[in-house]
Amino acid sequence: MIELTSAAIQEIKRMQNSRQQPNSYFRLGVKPGGCDGLYYTFDLSETKENSDRLQTVEDISLLIDEHSLNYLSDLRLDYAEDLMGGGFRFHNPLIATSCRCGLSFTLKES
């Protein structure tokens, strides 16, 4: 199950309101590529596909495609601001290494 911190929830709501999509889904996924082989994706979506899994955290509706489920099962998503600006922080116990950007990663071998 994915955990969203209160800071992440606030940022998702801010994104929804600034894009005038207050009832949109927050789509979270994993794709091949990036520095370490896989990378996180996220965006707002107005539509739900048949292969999407819906998870509700507080009043945020998360969509995760079937392919990404195994990579995100115990993810904790946070949001923080620093001198370089704000951004989501992905805390995933399934990863072995992560790129300095925090978006690209390699899985632990099972």
C-alpha atoms as a PDB file:
ATOM      1  CA  MET A   1       0.000   0.000   0.000  1.00  0.00           C
ATOM      2  CA  ILE A   2       1.297   3.443  -0.910  1.00  0.00           C
ATOM      3  CA  GLU A   3       1.642   6.047   1.811  1.00  0.00           C
ATOM      4  CA  LEU A   4       1.300   9.764   1.116  1.00  0.00           C
ATOM      5  CA  THR A   5       2.642  12.190   3.691  1.00  0.00           C
ATOM      6  CA  SER A   6       0.608  15.266   4.557  1.00  0.00           C
ATOM      7  CA  ALA A   7       3.113  17.405   2.588  1.00  0.00           C
ATOM      8  CA  ALA A   8       2.627  15.197  -0.509  1.00  0.00           C
ATOM      9  CA  ILE A   9      -1.153  15.411  -0.160  1.00  0.00           C
ATOM     10  CA  GLN A  10      -0.987  19.207   0.083  1.00  0.00           C
ATOM     11  CA  GLU A  11       1.233  19.403  -3.013  1.00  0.00           C
ATOM     12  CA  ILE A  12      -1.057  17.117  -5.044  1.00  0.00           C
ATOM     13  CA  LYS A  13      -4.052  19.272  -4.082  1.00  0.00           C
ATOM     14  CA  ARG A  14      -2.082  22.408  -5.008  1.00  0.00           C
ATOM     15  CA  MET A  15      -1.285  20.849  -8.420  1.00  0.00           C
ATOM     16  CA  GLN A  16      -4.933  19.935  -8.962  1.00  0.00           C
ATOM     17  CA  ASN A  17      -6.122  23.438  -8.090  1.00  0.00           C
ATOM     18  CA  SER A  18      -3.430  25.288 -10.066  1.00  0.00           C
ATOM     19  CA  ARG A  19      -4.262  23.218 -13.172  1.00  0.00           C
ATOM     20  CA  GLN A  20      -7.985  23.643 -12.531  1.00  0.00           C
ATOM     21  CA  GLN A  21      -8.440  19.861 -12.209  1.00  0.00           C
ATOM     22  CA  PRO A  22      -9.634  19.525  -8.589  1.00  0.00           C
ATOM     23  CA  ASN A  23     -11.256  16.115  -9.178  1.00  0.00           C
ATOM     24  CA  SER A  24      -8.445  14.572 -11.225  1.00  0.00           C
ATOM     25  CA  TYR A  25      -6.593  11.378 -10.402  1.00  0.00           C
ATOM     26  CA  PHE A  26      -2.935  11.429  -9.363  1.00  0.00           C
ATOM     27  CA  ARG A  27      -1.295   8.903 -11.693  1.00  0.00           C
ATOM     28  CA  LEU A  28       1.875   7.276 -10.351  1.00  0.00           C
ATOM     29  CA  GLY A  29       4.015   4.839 -12.316  1.00  0.00           C
ATOM     30  CA  VAL A  30       7.393   3.354 -13.155  1.00  0.00           C
ATOM     31  CA  LYS A  31       8.980   3.210 -16.611  1.00  0.00           C
ATOM     32  CA  PRO A  32      12.254   1.823 -17.984  1.00  0.00           C
ATOM     33  CA  GLY A  33      15.005   4.405 -18.428  1.00  0.00           C
ATOM     34  CA  GLY A  34      16.809   7.022 -16.419  1.00  0.00           C
ATOM     35  CA  CYS A  35      20.294   6.805 -14.916  1.00  0.00           C
ATOM     36  CA  ASP A  36      19.680   3.580 -12.962  1.00  0.00           C
ATOM     37  CA  GLY A  37      17.356   1.627 -15.270  1.00  0.00           C
ATOM     38  CA  LEU A  38      13.903   2.595 -13.977  1.00  0.00           C
ATOM     39  CA  TYR A  39      12.290   5.913 -13.122  1.00  0.00           C
ATOM     40  CA  TYR A  40       9.165   7.201 -11.393  1.00  0.00           C
ATOM     41  CA  THR A  41       6.458   9.024 -13.317  1.00  0.00           C
ATOM     42  CA  PHE A  42       3.603  11.105 -11.961  1.00  0.00           C
ATOM     43  CA  ASP A  43       0.955  13.398 -13.382  1.00  0.00           C
ATOM     44  CA  LEU A  44      -2.678  14.333 -13.090  1.00  0.00           C
ATOM     45  CA  SER A  45      -5.169  12.376 -15.165  1.00  0.00           C
ATOM     46  CA  GLU A  46      -8.830  12.894 -15.934  1.00  0.00           C
ATOM     47  CA  THR A  47      -9.362   9.288 -17.078  1.00  0.00           C
ATOM     48  CA  LYS A  48      -8.977   5.844 -15.557  1.00  0.00           C
ATOM     49  CA  GLU A  49      -7.894   2.973 -17.810  1.00  0.00           C
ATOM     50  CA  ASN A  50      -9.174  -0.604 -17.384  1.00  0.00           C
ATOM     51  CA  SER A  51      -5.710  -1.786 -16.327  1.00  0.00           C
ATOM     52  CA  ASP A  52      -5.364   0.919 -13.642  1.00  0.00           C
ATOM     53  CA  ARG A  53      -5.638   0.146  -9.955  1.00  0.00           C
ATOM     54  CA  LEU A  54      -7.313   2.804  -7.853  1.00  0.00           C
ATOM     55  CA  GLN A  55      -6.161   3.530  -4.320  1.00  0.00           C
ATOM     56  CA  THR A  56      -7.612   6.314  -2.213  1.00  0.00           C
ATOM     57  CA  VAL A  57      -5.413   8.000   0.379  1.00  0.00           C
ATOM     58  CA  GLU A  58      -7.377  10.545   2.385  1.00  0.00           C
ATOM     59  CA  ASP A  59      -9.169  12.335  -0.459  1.00  0.00           C
ATOM     60  CA  ILE A  60      -6.504  11.758  -3.128  1.00  0.00           C
ATOM     61  CA  SER A  61      -7.393   9.185  -5.799  1.00  0.00           C
ATOM     62  CA  LEU A  62      -4.197   7.412  -6.918  1.00  0.00           C
ATOM     63  CA  LEU A  63      -4.032   5.522 -10.207  1.00  0.00           C
ATOM     64  CA  ILE A  64      -1.316   2.927 -10.719  1.00  0.00           C
ATOM     65  CA  ASP A  65      -1.007   0.851 -13.883  1.00  0.00           C
ATOM     66  CA  GLU A  66      -0.670  -2.942 -13.464  1.00  0.00           C
ATOM     67  CA  HIS A  67       2.972  -2.940 -14.598  1.00  0.00           C
ATOM     68  CA  SER A  68       3.997  -0.459 -11.894  1.00  0.00           C
ATOM     69  CA  LEU A  69       2.214  -2.123  -8.966  1.00  0.00           C
ATOM     70  CA  ASN A  70       5.117  -4.417  -8.028  1.00  0.00           C
ATOM     71  CA  TYR A  71       7.572  -1.513  -7.951  1.00  0.00           C
ATOM     72  CA  LEU A  72       5.412   0.722  -5.775  1.00  0.00           C
ATOM     73  CA  SER A  73       3.803  -1.618  -3.247  1.00  0.00           C
ATOM     74  CA  ASP A  74       5.456  -0.119  -0.129  1.00  0.00           C
ATOM     75  CA  LEU A  75       6.307   3.341  -1.435  1.00  0.00           C
ATOM     76  CA  ARG A  76       6.123   6.374   0.846  1.00  0.00           C
ATOM     77  CA  LEU A  77       5.737   9.576  -1.159  1.00  0.00           C
ATOM     78  CA  ASP A  78       6.742  12.832   0.490  1.00  0.00           C
ATOM     79  CA  TYR A  79       7.148  16.408  -0.703  1.00  0.00           C
ATOM     80  CA  ALA A  80       9.861  18.786   0.490  1.00  0.00           C
ATOM     81  CA  GLU A  81      11.268  22.165  -0.411  1.00  0.00           C
ATOM     82  CA  ASP A  82      14.944  23.073  -0.284  1.00  0.00           C
ATOM     83  CA  LEU A  83      17.255  25.691  -1.773  1.00  0.00           C
ATOM     84  CA  MET A  84      16.838  24.170  -5.241  1.00  0.00           C
ATOM     85  CA  GLY A  85      13.034  24.278  -5.066  1.00  0.00           C
ATOM     86  CA  GLY A  86      10.369  21.764  -4.174  1.00  0.00           C
ATOM     87  CA  GLY A  87       9.898  18.202  -5.271  1.00  0.00           C
ATOM     88  CA  PHE A  88       8.454  14.822  -4.471  1.00  0.00           C
ATOM     89  CA  ARG A  89      10.669  12.464  -2.484  1.00  0.00           C
ATOM     90  CA  PHE A  90      10.274   8.728  -3.134  1.00  0.00           C
ATOM     91  CA  HIS A  91      11.077   6.426  -0.211  1.00  0.00           C
ATOM     92  CA  ASN A  92      10.935   2.890  -1.559  1.00  0.00           C
ATOM     93  CA  PRO A  93      12.256  -0.117   0.426  1.00  0.00           C
ATOM     94  CA  LEU A  94      12.400  -2.181  -2.790  1.00  0.00           C
ATOM     95  CA  ILE A  95      15.248  -0.224  -4.373  1.00  0.00           C
ATOM     96  CA  ALA A  96      18.947  -1.093  -4.193  1.00  0.00           C
ATOM     97  CA  THR A  97      20.364   2.166  -5.559  1.00  0.00           C
ATOM     98  CA  SER A  98      18.978   5.537  -6.508  1.00  0.00           C
ATOM     99  CA  CYS A  99      20.255   8.278  -8.758  1.00  0.00           C
ATOM    100  CA  ARG A 100      21.079  11.619  -7.166  1.00  0.00           C
ATOM    101  CA  CYS A 101      17.957  13.081  -8.760  1.00  0.00           C
ATOM    102  CA  GLY A 102      15.840  10.686  -6.666  1.00  0.00           C
ATOM    103  CA  LEU A 103      13.649   9.690  -9.603  1.00  0.00           C
ATOM    104  CA  SER A 104      15.738   6.912 -11.147  1.00  0.00           C
ATOM    105  CA  PHE A 105      16.491   3.638  -9.354  1.00  0.00           C
ATOM    106  CA  THR A 106      17.582   0.013  -9.471  1.00  0.00           C
ATOM    107  CA  LEU A 107      15.620  -2.745  -7.729  1.00  0.00           C
ATOM    108  CA  LYS A 108      17.045  -5.055  -5.106  1.00  0.00           C
ATOM    109  CA  GLU A 109      17.636  -8.552  -6.409  1.00  0.00           C
ATOM    110  CA  SER A 110      15.280 -11.143  -4.953  1.00  0.00           C
END
